Amino acid sequence: LLKEVRHTVFKNNKSHNKLLFNLLIKEEALLISAKCRDVAEPINI
């Protein structure tokens, strides 16, 4: 994991940090990892 990219949203007068995606690093690749609502495992791009 290099970075969790989050976005702050306000709901019911409270701030929530929603995870948008993770930036991952492999030996020779940069990956974006995102999880959709109806999918069990994250999708790595």
ModelCIF file with pLDDT and N, C-alpha, C, O atoms, coordinates in Angstrom:
data_MODEL
#
_entry.id   MODEL 
#
_entity.id                         1 
_entity.type                       polymer 
_entity.pdbx_number_of_molecules   1 
#
_entity_poly.entity_id                      1 
_entity_poly.type                           'polypeptide(L)' 
_entity_poly.nstd_linkage                   no 
_entity_poly.nstd_monomer                   no 
_entity_poly.pdbx_seq_one_letter_code       LLKEVRHTVFKNNKSHNKLLFNLLIKEEALLISAKCRDVAEPINI 
_entity_poly.pdbx_seq_one_letter_code_can   LLKEVRHTVFKNNKSHNKLLFNLLIKEEALLISAKCRDVAEPINI 
_entity_poly.pdbx_strand_id                 A 
#
loop_
_entity_poly_seq.entity_id 
_entity_poly_seq.num 
_entity_poly_seq.mon_id 
_entity_poly_seq.hetero 
1 1  LEU n 
1 2  LEU n 
1 3  LYS n 
1 4  GLU n 
1 5  VAL n 
1 6  ARG n 
1 7  HIS n 
1 8  THR n 
1 9  VAL n 
1 10 PHE n 
1 11 LYS n 
1 12 ASN n 
1 13 ASN n 
1 14 LYS n 
1 15 SER n 
1 16 HIS n 
1 17 ASN n 
1 18 LYS n 
1 19 LEU n 
1 20 LEU n 
1 21 PHE n 
1 22 ASN n 
1 23 LEU n 
1 24 LEU n 
1 25 ILE n 
1 26 LYS n 
1 27 GLU n 
1 28 GLU n 
1 29 ALA n 
1 30 LEU n 
1 31 LEU n 
1 32 ILE n 
1 33 SER n 
1 34 ALA n 
1 35 LYS n 
1 36 CYS n 
1 37 ARG n 
1 38 ASP n 
1 39 VAL n 
1 40 ALA n 
1 41 GLU n 
1 42 PRO n 
1 43 ILE n 
1 44 ASN n 
1 45 ILE n 
#
_struct_asym.id          A 
_struct_asym.entity_id   1 
#
loop_
_ma_qa_metric.id 
_ma_qa_metric.mode 
_ma_qa_metric.name 
_ma_qa_metric.software_group_id 
_ma_qa_metric.type 
1 global pLDDT . pLDDT 
2 local  pLDDT . pLDDT 
#
_ma_qa_metric_global.metric_id      1 
_ma_qa_metric_global.metric_value   92.42 
_ma_qa_metric_global.model_id       1 
_ma_qa_metric_global.ordinal_id     1 
#
loop_
_ma_qa_metric_local.label_asym_id 
_ma_qa_metric_local.label_comp_id 
_ma_qa_metric_local.label_seq_id 
_ma_qa_metric_local.metric_id 
_ma_qa_metric_local.metric_value 
_ma_qa_metric_local.model_id 
_ma_qa_metric_local.ordinal_id 
A LEU 1  2 95.00 1 1  
A LEU 2  2 95.00 1 2  
A LYS 3  2 95.00 1 3  
A GLU 4  2 96.00 1 4  
A VAL 5  2 95.00 1 5  
A ARG 6  2 94.00 1 6  
A HIS 7  2 94.00 1 7  
A THR 8  2 94.00 1 8  
A VAL 9  2 91.00 1 9  
A PHE 10 2 90.00 1 10 
A LYS 11 2 86.00 1 11 
A ASN 12 2 89.00 1 12 
A ASN 13 2 88.00 1 13 
A LYS 14 2 91.00 1 14 
A SER 15 2 92.00 1 15 
A HIS 16 2 89.00 1 16 
A ASN 17 2 91.00 1 17 
A LYS 18 2 90.00 1 18 
A LEU 19 2 90.00 1 19 
A LEU 20 2 92.00 1 20 
A PHE 21 2 95.00 1 21 
A ASN 22 2 96.00 1 22 
A LEU 23 2 96.00 1 23 
A LEU 24 2 96.00 1 24 
A ILE 25 2 96.00 1 25 
A LYS 26 2 94.00 1 26 
A GLU 27 2 93.00 1 27 
A GLU 28 2 92.00 1 28 
A ALA 29 2 95.00 1 29 
A LEU 30 2 96.00 1 30 
A LEU 31 2 97.00 1 31 
A ILE 32 2 97.00 1 32 
A SER 33 2 96.00 1 33 
A ALA 34 2 94.00 1 34 
A LYS 35 2 90.00 1 35 
A CYS 36 2 85.00 1 36 
A ARG 37 2 84.00 1 37 
A ASP 38 2 87.00 1 38 
A VAL 39 2 87.00 1 39 
A ALA 40 2 89.00 1 40 
A GLU 41 2 92.00 1 41 
A PRO 42 2 92.00 1 42 
A ILE 43 2 93.00 1 43 
A ASN 44 2 95.00 1 44 
A ILE 45 2 95.00 1 45 
#
loop_
_atom_site.group_PDB 
_atom_site.id 
_atom_site.type_symbol 
_atom_site.label_atom_id 
_atom_site.label_alt_id 
_atom_site.label_comp_id 
_atom_site.label_asym_id 
_atom_site.label_entity_id 
_atom_site.label_seq_id 
_atom_site.pdbx_PDB_ins_code 
_atom_site.Cartn_x 
_atom_site.Cartn_y 
_atom_site.Cartn_z 
_atom_site.occupancy 
_atom_site.B_iso_or_equiv 
_atom_site.pdbx_formal_charge 
_atom_site.auth_seq_id 
_atom_site.auth_comp_id 
_atom_site.auth_asym_id 
_atom_site.auth_atom_id 
_atom_site.pdbx_PDB_model_num 
ATOM 1   N N  . LEU A 1 1  ? 0.833   -1.200 0.000   1.00 95.00 ? 1  LEU A N  1 
ATOM 2   C CA . LEU A 1 1  ? 0.000   0.000  0.000   1.00 95.00 ? 1  LEU A CA 1 
ATOM 3   C C  . LEU A 1 1  ? 0.869   1.251  0.000   1.00 95.00 ? 1  LEU A C  1 
ATOM 4   O O  . LEU A 1 1  ? 1.729   1.422  0.864   1.00 95.00 ? 1  LEU A O  1 
ATOM 5   N N  . LEU A 1 2  ? 0.635   2.119  -0.975  1.00 95.00 ? 2  LEU A N  1 
ATOM 6   C CA . LEU A 1 2  ? 1.301   3.429  -1.002  1.00 95.00 ? 2  LEU A CA 1 
ATOM 7   C C  . LEU A 1 2  ? 0.427   4.504  -0.381  1.00 95.00 ? 2  LEU A C  1 
ATOM 8   O O  . LEU A 1 2  ? 0.901   5.318  0.411   1.00 95.00 ? 2  LEU A O  1 
ATOM 9   N N  . LYS A 1 3  ? -0.855  4.506  -0.742  1.00 95.00 ? 3  LYS A N  1 
ATOM 10  C CA . LYS A 1 3  ? -1.729  5.594  -0.296  1.00 95.00 ? 3  LYS A CA 1 
ATOM 11  C C  . LYS A 1 3  ? -3.189  5.158  -0.355  1.00 95.00 ? 3  LYS A C  1 
ATOM 12  O O  . LYS A 1 3  ? -3.627  4.526  -1.316  1.00 95.00 ? 3  LYS A O  1 
ATOM 13  N N  . GLU A 1 4  ? -3.932  5.509  0.692   1.00 96.00 ? 4  GLU A N  1 
ATOM 14  C CA . GLU A 1 4  ? -5.392  5.399  0.658   1.00 96.00 ? 4  GLU A CA 1 
ATOM 15  C C  . GLU A 1 4  ? -5.922  6.753  0.219   1.00 96.00 ? 4  GLU A C  1 
ATOM 16  O O  . GLU A 1 4  ? -5.623  7.774  0.839   1.00 96.00 ? 4  GLU A O  1 
ATOM 17  N N  . VAL A 1 5  ? -6.694  6.764  -0.831  1.00 95.00 ? 5  VAL A N  1 
ATOM 18  C CA . VAL A 1 5  ? -7.263  8.018  -1.328  1.00 95.00 ? 5  VAL A CA 1 
ATOM 19  C C  . VAL A 1 5  ? -8.699  8.094  -0.832  1.00 95.00 ? 5  VAL A C  1 
ATOM 20  O O  . VAL A 1 5  ? -9.537  7.256  -1.164  1.00 95.00 ? 5  VAL A O  1 
ATOM 21  N N  . ARG A 1 6  ? -8.960  9.117  -0.028  1.00 94.00 ? 6  ARG A N  1 
ATOM 22  C CA . ARG A 1 6  ? -10.276 9.272  0.605   1.00 94.00 ? 6  ARG A CA 1 
ATOM 23  C C  . ARG A 1 6  ? -10.888 10.616 0.228   1.00 94.00 ? 6  ARG A C  1 
ATOM 24  O O  . ARG A 1 6  ? -10.199 11.551 -0.180  1.00 94.00 ? 6  ARG A O  1 
ATOM 25  N N  . HIS A 1 7  ? -12.201 10.674 0.379   1.00 94.00 ? 7  HIS A N  1 
ATOM 26  C CA . HIS A 1 7  ? -12.963 11.893 0.108   1.00 94.00 ? 7  HIS A CA 1 
ATOM 27  C C  . HIS A 1 7  ? -13.883 12.132 1.308   1.00 94.00 ? 7  HIS A C  1 
ATOM 28  O O  . HIS A 1 7  ? -14.573 11.219 1.762   1.00 94.00 ? 7  HIS A O  1 
ATOM 29  N N  . THR A 1 8  ? -13.886 13.340 1.804   1.00 94.00 ? 8  THR A N  1 
ATOM 30  C CA . THR A 1 8  ? -14.731 13.668 2.954   1.00 94.00 ? 8  THR A CA 1 
ATOM 31  C C  . THR A 1 8  ? -16.122 14.072 2.478   1.00 94.00 ? 8  THR A C  1 
ATOM 32  O O  . THR A 1 8  ? -16.286 14.958 1.640   1.00 94.00 ? 8  THR A O  1 
ATOM 33  N N  . VAL A 1 9  ? -17.111 13.393 3.041   1.00 91.00 ? 9  VAL A N  1 
ATOM 34  C CA . VAL A 1 9  ? -18.501 13.732 2.757   1.00 91.00 ? 9  VAL A CA 1 
ATOM 35  C C  . VAL A 1 9  ? -19.179 14.067 4.086   1.00 91.00 ? 9  VAL A C  1 
ATOM 36  O O  . VAL A 1 9  ? -18.773 13.583 5.143   1.00 91.00 ? 9  VAL A O  1 
ATOM 37  N N  . PHE A 1 10 ? -20.195 14.883 4.018   1.00 90.00 ? 10 PHE A N  1 
ATOM 38  C CA . PHE A 1 10 ? -20.936 15.264 5.213   1.00 90.00 ? 10 PHE A CA 1 
ATOM 39  C C  . PHE A 1 10 ? -22.325 14.631 5.144   1.00 90.00 ? 10 PHE A C  1 
ATOM 40  O O  . PHE A 1 10 ? -23.070 14.813 4.181   1.00 90.00 ? 10 PHE A O  1 
ATOM 41  N N  . LYS A 1 11 ? -22.647 13.877 6.209   1.00 86.00 ? 11 LYS A N  1 
ATOM 42  C CA . LYS A 1 11 ? -23.927 13.194 6.275   1.00 86.00 ? 11 LYS A CA 1 
ATOM 43  C C  . LYS A 1 11 ? -24.435 13.326 7.701   1.00 86.00 ? 11 LYS A C  1 
ATOM 44  O O  . LYS A 1 11 ? -23.725 12.989 8.649   1.00 86.00 ? 11 LYS A O  1 
ATOM 45  N N  . ASN A 1 12 ? -25.648 13.809 7.857   1.00 89.00 ? 12 ASN A N  1 
ATOM 46  C CA . ASN A 1 12 ? -26.243 14.022 9.183   1.00 89.00 ? 12 ASN A CA 1 
ATOM 47  C C  . ASN A 1 12 ? -25.354 14.916 10.045  1.00 89.00 ? 12 ASN A C  1 
ATOM 48  O O  . ASN A 1 12 ? -25.164 14.657 11.233  1.00 89.00 ? 12 ASN A O  1 
ATOM 49  N N  . ASN A 1 13 ? -24.818 15.965 9.438   1.00 88.00 ? 13 ASN A N  1 
ATOM 50  C CA . ASN A 1 13 ? -23.951 16.934 10.118  1.00 88.00 ? 13 ASN A CA 1 
ATOM 51  C C  . ASN A 1 13 ? -22.670 16.319 10.688  1.00 88.00 ? 13 ASN A C  1 
ATOM 52  O O  . ASN A 1 13 ? -22.077 16.870 11.616  1.00 88.00 ? 13 ASN A O  1 
ATOM 53  N N  . LYS A 1 14 ? -22.251 15.202 10.146  1.00 91.00 ? 14 LYS A N  1 
ATOM 54  C CA . LYS A 1 14 ? -20.999 14.566 10.542  1.00 91.00 ? 14 LYS A CA 1 
ATOM 55  C C  . LYS A 1 14 ? -20.153 14.328 9.295   1.00 91.00 ? 14 LYS A C  1 
ATOM 56  O O  . LYS A 1 14 ? -20.670 14.021 8.221   1.00 91.00 ? 14 LYS A O  1 
ATOM 57  N N  . SER A 1 15 ? -18.857 14.476 9.463   1.00 92.00 ? 15 SER A N  1 
ATOM 58  C CA . SER A 1 15 ? -17.988 14.209 8.319   1.00 92.00 ? 15 SER A CA 1 
ATOM 59  C C  . SER A 1 15 ? -17.569 12.740 8.331   1.00 92.00 ? 15 SER A C  1 
ATOM 60  O O  . SER A 1 15 ? -17.289 12.158 9.379   1.00 92.00 ? 15 SER A O  1 
ATOM 61  N N  . HIS A 1 16 ? -17.535 12.167 7.137   1.00 89.00 ? 16 HIS A N  1 
ATOM 62  C CA . HIS A 1 16 ? -17.117 10.777 6.950   1.00 89.00 ? 16 HIS A CA 1 
ATOM 63  C C  . HIS A 1 16 ? -16.055 10.759 5.859   1.00 89.00 ? 16 HIS A C  1 
ATOM 64  O O  . HIS A 1 16 ? -16.207 11.407 4.823   1.00 89.00 ? 16 HIS A O  1 
ATOM 65  N N  . ASN A 1 17 ? -14.988 10.019 6.095   1.00 91.00 ? 17 ASN A N  1 
ATOM 66  C CA . ASN A 1 17 ? -13.946 9.858  5.085   1.00 91.00 ? 17 ASN A CA 1 
ATOM 67  C C  . ASN A 1 17 ? -14.199 8.574  4.319   1.00 91.00 ? 17 ASN A C  1 
ATOM 68  O O  . ASN A 1 17 ? -13.921 7.481  4.811   1.00 91.00 ? 17 ASN A O  1 
ATOM 69  N N  . LYS A 1 18 ? -14.722 8.711  3.123   1.00 90.00 ? 18 LYS A N  1 
ATOM 70  C CA . LYS A 1 18 ? -15.041 7.552  2.290   1.00 90.00 ? 18 LYS A CA 1 
ATOM 71  C C  . LYS A 1 18 ? -13.810 7.165  1.472   1.00 90.00 ? 18 LYS A C  1 
ATOM 72  O O  . LYS A 1 18 ? -13.169 8.014  0.851   1.00 90.00 ? 18 LYS A O  1 
ATOM 73  N N  . LEU A 1 19 ? -13.495 5.881  1.482   1.00 90.00 ? 19 LEU A N  1 
ATOM 74  C CA . LEU A 1 19 ? -12.375 5.377  0.698   1.00 90.00 ? 19 LEU A CA 1 
ATOM 75  C C  . LEU A 1 19 ? -12.775 5.342  -0.770  1.00 90.00 ? 19 LEU A C  1 
ATOM 76  O O  . LEU A 1 19 ? -13.767 4.711  -1.136  1.00 90.00 ? 19 LEU A O  1 
ATOM 77  N N  . LEU A 1 20 ? -11.995 6.027  -1.615  1.00 92.00 ? 20 LEU A N  1 
ATOM 78  C CA . LEU A 1 20 ? -12.240 5.991  -3.049  1.00 92.00 ? 20 LEU A CA 1 
ATOM 79  C C  . LEU A 1 20 ? -11.469 4.846  -3.694  1.00 92.00 ? 20 LEU A C  1 
ATOM 80  O O  . LEU A 1 20 ? -12.030 4.032  -4.429  1.00 92.00 ? 20 LEU A O  1 
ATOM 81  N N  . PHE A 1 21 ? -10.168 4.801  -3.402  1.00 95.00 ? 21 PHE A N  1 
ATOM 82  C CA . PHE A 1 21 ? -9.332  3.721  -3.923  1.00 95.00 ? 21 PHE A CA 1 
ATOM 83  C C  . PHE A 1 21 ? -8.017  3.698  -3.167  1.00 95.00 ? 21 PHE A C  1 
ATOM 84  O O  . PHE A 1 21 ? -7.670  4.644  -2.460  1.00 95.00 ? 21 PHE A O  1 
ATOM 85  N N  . ASN A 1 22 ? -7.285  2.592  -3.331  1.00 96.00 ? 22 ASN A N  1 
ATOM 86  C CA . ASN A 1 22 ? -5.936  2.463  -2.782  1.00 96.00 ? 22 ASN A CA 1 
ATOM 87  C C  . ASN A 1 22 ? -4.944  2.491  -3.935  1.00 96.00 ? 22 ASN A C  1 
ATOM 88  O O  . ASN A 1 22 ? -5.197  1.928  -5.000  1.00 96.00 ? 22 ASN A O  1 
ATOM 89  N N  . LEU A 1 23 ? -3.830  3.143  -3.716  1.00 96.00 ? 23 LEU A N  1 
ATOM 90  C CA . LEU A 1 23 ? -2.733  3.111  -4.676  1.00 96.00 ? 23 LEU A CA 1 
ATOM 91  C C  . LEU A 1 23 ? -1.743  2.087  -4.158  1.00 96.00 ? 23 LEU A C  1 
ATOM 92  O O  . LEU A 1 23 ? -1.188  2.241  -3.070  1.00 96.00 ? 23 LEU A O  1 
ATOM 93  N N  . LEU A 1 24 ? -1.521  1.033  -4.947  1.00 96.00 ? 24 LEU A N  1 
ATOM 94  C CA . LEU A 1 24 ? -0.639  -0.058 -4.562  1.00 96.00 ? 24 LEU A CA 1 
ATOM 95  C C  . LEU A 1 24 ? 0.586   -0.079 -5.466  1.00 96.00 ? 24 LEU A C  1 
ATOM 96  O O  . LEU A 1 24 ? 0.573   0.453  -6.576  1.00 96.00 ? 24 LEU A O  1 
ATOM 97  N N  . ILE A 1 25 ? 1.646   -0.708 -4.963  1.00 96.00 ? 25 ILE A N  1 
ATOM 98  C CA . ILE A 1 25 ? 2.865   -0.853 -5.758  1.00 96.00 ? 25 ILE A CA 1 
ATOM 99  C C  . ILE A 1 25 ? 3.257   -2.322 -5.756  1.00 96.00 ? 25 ILE A C  1 
ATOM 100 O O  . ILE A 1 25 ? 3.278   -2.964 -4.706  1.00 96.00 ? 25 ILE A O  1 
ATOM 101 N N  . LYS A 1 26 ? 3.566   -2.850 -6.929  1.00 94.00 ? 26 LYS A N  1 
ATOM 102 C CA . LYS A 1 26 ? 4.168   -4.171 -7.070  1.00 94.00 ? 26 LYS A CA 1 
ATOM 103 C C  . LYS A 1 26 ? 5.561   -3.951 -7.639  1.00 94.00 ? 26 LYS A C  1 
ATOM 104 O O  . LYS A 1 26 ? 5.955   -2.812 -7.889  1.00 94.00 ? 26 LYS A O  1 
ATOM 105 N N  . GLU A 1 27 ? 6.303   -5.016 -7.845  1.00 93.00 ? 27 GLU A N  1 
ATOM 106 C CA . GLU A 1 27 ? 7.703   -4.856 -8.232  1.00 93.00 ? 27 GLU A CA 1 
ATOM 107 C C  . GLU A 1 27 ? 7.888   -3.989 -9.476  1.00 93.00 ? 27 GLU A C  1 
ATOM 108 O O  . GLU A 1 27 ? 8.803   -3.166 -9.513  1.00 93.00 ? 27 GLU A O  1 
ATOM 109 N N  . GLU A 1 28 ? 7.052   -4.153 -10.482 1.00 92.00 ? 28 GLU A N  1 
ATOM 110 C CA . GLU A 1 28 ? 7.190   -3.332 -11.688 1.00 92.00 ? 28 GLU A CA 1 
ATOM 111 C C  . GLU A 1 28 ? 5.855   -2.738 -12.123 1.00 92.00 ? 28 GLU A C  1 
ATOM 112 O O  . GLU A 1 28 ? 5.632   -2.530 -13.316 1.00 92.00 ? 28 GLU A O  1 
ATOM 113 N N  . ALA A 1 29 ? 4.966   -2.462 -11.172 1.00 95.00 ? 29 ALA A N  1 
ATOM 114 C CA . ALA A 1 29 ? 3.648   -1.963 -11.559 1.00 95.00 ? 29 ALA A CA 1 
ATOM 115 C C  . ALA A 1 29 ? 3.030   -1.101 -10.464 1.00 95.00 ? 29 ALA A C  1 
ATOM 116 O O  . ALA A 1 29 ? 3.150   -1.392 -9.274  1.00 95.00 ? 29 ALA A O  1 
ATOM 117 N N  . LEU A 1 30 ? 2.367   -0.035 -10.897 1.00 96.00 ? 30 LEU A N  1 
ATOM 118 C CA . LEU A 1 30 ? 1.528   0.783  -10.019 1.00 96.00 ? 30 LEU A CA 1 
ATOM 119 C C  . LEU A 1 30 ? 0.088   0.344  -10.260 1.00 96.00 ? 30 LEU A C  1 
ATOM 120 O O  . LEU A 1 30 ? -0.353  0.224  -11.403 1.00 96.00 ? 30 LEU A O  1 
ATOM 121 N N  . LEU A 1 31 ? -0.636  0.107  -9.172  1.00 97.00 ? 31 LEU A N  1 
ATOM 122 C CA . LEU A 1 31 ? -2.003  -0.399 -9.280  1.00 97.00 ? 31 LEU A CA 1 
ATOM 123 C C  . LEU A 1 31 ? -2.974  0.514  -8.554  1.00 97.00 ? 31 LEU A C  1 
ATOM 124 O O  . LEU A 1 31 ? -2.651  1.099  -7.520  1.00 97.00 ? 31 LEU A O  1 
ATOM 125 N N  . ILE A 1 32 ? -4.165  0.623  -9.113  1.00 97.00 ? 32 ILE A N  1 
ATOM 126 C CA . ILE A 1 32 ? -5.288  1.246  -8.417  1.00 97.00 ? 32 ILE A CA 1 
ATOM 127 C C  . ILE A 1 32 ? -6.174  0.094  -7.977  1.00 97.00 ? 32 ILE A C  1 
ATOM 128 O O  . ILE A 1 32 ? -6.550  -0.747 -8.793  1.00 97.00 ? 32 ILE A O  1 
ATOM 129 N N  . SER A 1 33 ? -6.509  0.048  -6.700  1.00 96.00 ? 33 SER A N  1 
ATOM 130 C CA . SER A 1 33 ? -7.360  -1.001 -6.160  1.00 96.00 ? 33 SER A CA 1 
ATOM 131 C C  . SER A 1 33 ? -8.652  -0.356 -5.665  1.00 96.00 ? 33 SER A C  1 
ATOM 132 O O  . SER A 1 33 ? -8.635  0.501  -4.781  1.00 96.00 ? 33 SER A O  1 
ATOM 133 N N  . ALA A 1 34 ? -9.761  -0.779 -6.243  1.00 94.00 ? 34 ALA A N  1 
ATOM 134 C CA . ALA A 1 34 ? -11.057 -0.220 -5.873  1.00 94.00 ? 34 ALA A CA 1 
ATOM 135 C C  . ALA A 1 34 ? -12.041 -1.360 -5.634  1.00 94.00 ? 34 ALA A C  1 
ATOM 136 O O  . ALA A 1 34 ? -11.976 -2.401 -6.288  1.00 94.00 ? 34 ALA A O  1 
ATOM 137 N N  . LYS A 1 35 ? -12.940 -1.149 -4.702  1.00 90.00 ? 35 LYS A N  1 
ATOM 138 C CA . LYS A 1 35 ? -13.937 -2.174 -4.387  1.00 90.00 ? 35 LYS A CA 1 
ATOM 139 C C  . LYS A 1 35 ? -15.321 -1.618 -4.703  1.00 90.00 ? 35 LYS A C  1 
ATOM 140 O O  . LYS A 1 35 ? -15.710 -0.560 -4.209  1.00 90.00 ? 35 LYS A O  1 
ATOM 141 N N  . CYS A 1 36 ? -16.043 -2.339 -5.522  1.00 85.00 ? 36 CYS A N  1 
ATOM 142 C CA . CYS A 1 36 ? -17.420 -1.970 -5.852  1.00 85.00 ? 36 CYS A CA 1 
ATOM 143 C C  . CYS A 1 36 ? -18.356 -2.532 -4.788  1.00 85.00 ? 36 CYS A C  1 
ATOM 144 O O  . CYS A 1 36 ? -18.005 -3.475 -4.078  1.00 85.00 ? 36 CYS A O  1 
ATOM 145 N N  . ARG A 1 37 ? -19.516 -1.964 -4.685  1.00 84.00 ? 37 ARG A N  1 
ATOM 146 C CA . ARG A 1 37 ? -20.467 -2.395 -3.647  1.00 84.00 ? 37 ARG A CA 1 
ATOM 147 C C  . ARG A 1 37 ? -20.837 -3.863 -3.733  1.00 84.00 ? 37 ARG A C  1 
ATOM 148 O O  . ARG A 1 37 ? -20.850 -4.553 -2.713  1.00 84.00 ? 37 ARG A O  1 
ATOM 149 N N  . ASP A 1 38 ? -21.136 -4.352 -4.914  1.00 87.00 ? 38 ASP A N  1 
ATOM 150 C CA . ASP A 1 38 ? -21.651 -5.715 -5.053  1.00 87.00 ? 38 ASP A CA 1 
ATOM 151 C C  . ASP A 1 38 ? -20.566 -6.750 -5.335  1.00 87.00 ? 38 ASP A C  1 
ATOM 152 O O  . ASP A 1 38 ? -20.875 -7.892 -5.674  1.00 87.00 ? 38 ASP A O  1 
ATOM 153 N N  . VAL A 1 39 ? -19.300 -6.364 -5.199  1.00 87.00 ? 39 VAL A N  1 
ATOM 154 C CA . VAL A 1 39 ? -18.191 -7.274 -5.492  1.00 87.00 ? 39 VAL A CA 1 
ATOM 155 C C  . VAL A 1 39 ? -17.454 -7.577 -4.195  1.00 87.00 ? 39 VAL A C  1 
ATOM 156 O O  . VAL A 1 39 ? -17.154 -6.674 -3.415  1.00 87.00 ? 39 VAL A O  1 
ATOM 157 N N  . ALA A 1 40 ? -17.165 -8.852 -3.972  1.00 89.00 ? 40 ALA A N  1 
ATOM 158 C CA . ALA A 1 40 ? -16.531 -9.261 -2.718  1.00 89.00 ? 40 ALA A CA 1 
ATOM 159 C C  . ALA A 1 40 ? -15.070 -8.820 -2.633  1.00 89.00 ? 40 ALA A C  1 
ATOM 160 O O  . ALA A 1 40 ? -14.624 -8.353 -1.586  1.00 89.00 ? 40 ALA A O  1 
ATOM 161 N N  . GLU A 1 41 ? -14.339 -8.965 -3.709  1.00 92.00 ? 41 GLU A N  1 
ATOM 162 C CA . GLU A 1 41 ? -12.907 -8.658 -3.722  1.00 92.00 ? 41 GLU A CA 1 
ATOM 163 C C  . GLU A 1 41 ? -12.642 -7.344 -4.462  1.00 92.00 ? 41 GLU A C  1 
ATOM 164 O O  . GLU A 1 41 ? -13.365 -7.005 -5.399  1.00 92.00 ? 41 GLU A O  1 
ATOM 165 N N  . PRO A 1 42 ? -11.607 -6.601 -4.046  1.00 92.00 ? 42 PRO A N  1 
ATOM 166 C CA . PRO A 1 42 ? -11.239 -5.385 -4.782  1.00 92.00 ? 42 PRO A CA 1 
ATOM 167 C C  . PRO A 1 42 ? -10.746 -5.711 -6.195  1.00 92.00 ? 42 PRO A C  1 
ATOM 168 O O  . PRO A 1 42 ? -10.216 -6.793 -6.450  1.00 92.00 ? 42 PRO A O  1 
ATOM 169 N N  . ILE A 1 43 ? -10.927 -4.775 -7.081  1.00 93.00 ? 43 ILE A N  1 
ATOM 170 C CA . ILE A 1 43 ? -10.455 -4.901 -8.456  1.00 93.00 ? 43 ILE A CA 1 
ATOM 171 C C  . ILE A 1 43 ? -9.162  -4.106 -8.565  1.00 93.00 ? 43 ILE A C  1 
ATOM 172 O O  . ILE A 1 43 ? -9.132  -2.914 -8.259  1.00 93.00 ? 43 ILE A O  1 
ATOM 173 N N  . ASN A 1 44 ? -8.089  -4.769 -9.004  1.00 95.00 ? 44 ASN A N  1 
ATOM 174 C CA . ASN A 1 44 ? -6.802  -4.108 -9.182  1.00 95.00 ? 44 ASN A CA 1 
ATOM 175 C C  . ASN A 1 44 ? -6.594  -3.776 -10.647 1.00 95.00 ? 44 ASN A C  1 
ATOM 176 O O  . ASN A 1 44 ? -6.706  -4.639 -11.517 1.00 95.00 ? 44 ASN A O  1 
ATOM 177 N N  . ILE A 1 45 ? -6.289  -2.514 -10.907 1.00 95.00 ? 45 ILE A N  1 
ATOM 178 C CA . ILE A 1 45 ? -6.089  -2.033 -12.269 1.00 95.00 ? 45 ILE A CA 1 
ATOM 179 C C  . ILE A 1 45 ? -4.660  -1.537 -12.388 1.00 95.00 ? 45 ILE A C  1 
ATOM 180 O O  . ILE A 1 45 ? -4.252  -1.080 -13.455 1.00 95.00 ? 45 ILE A O  1 
#
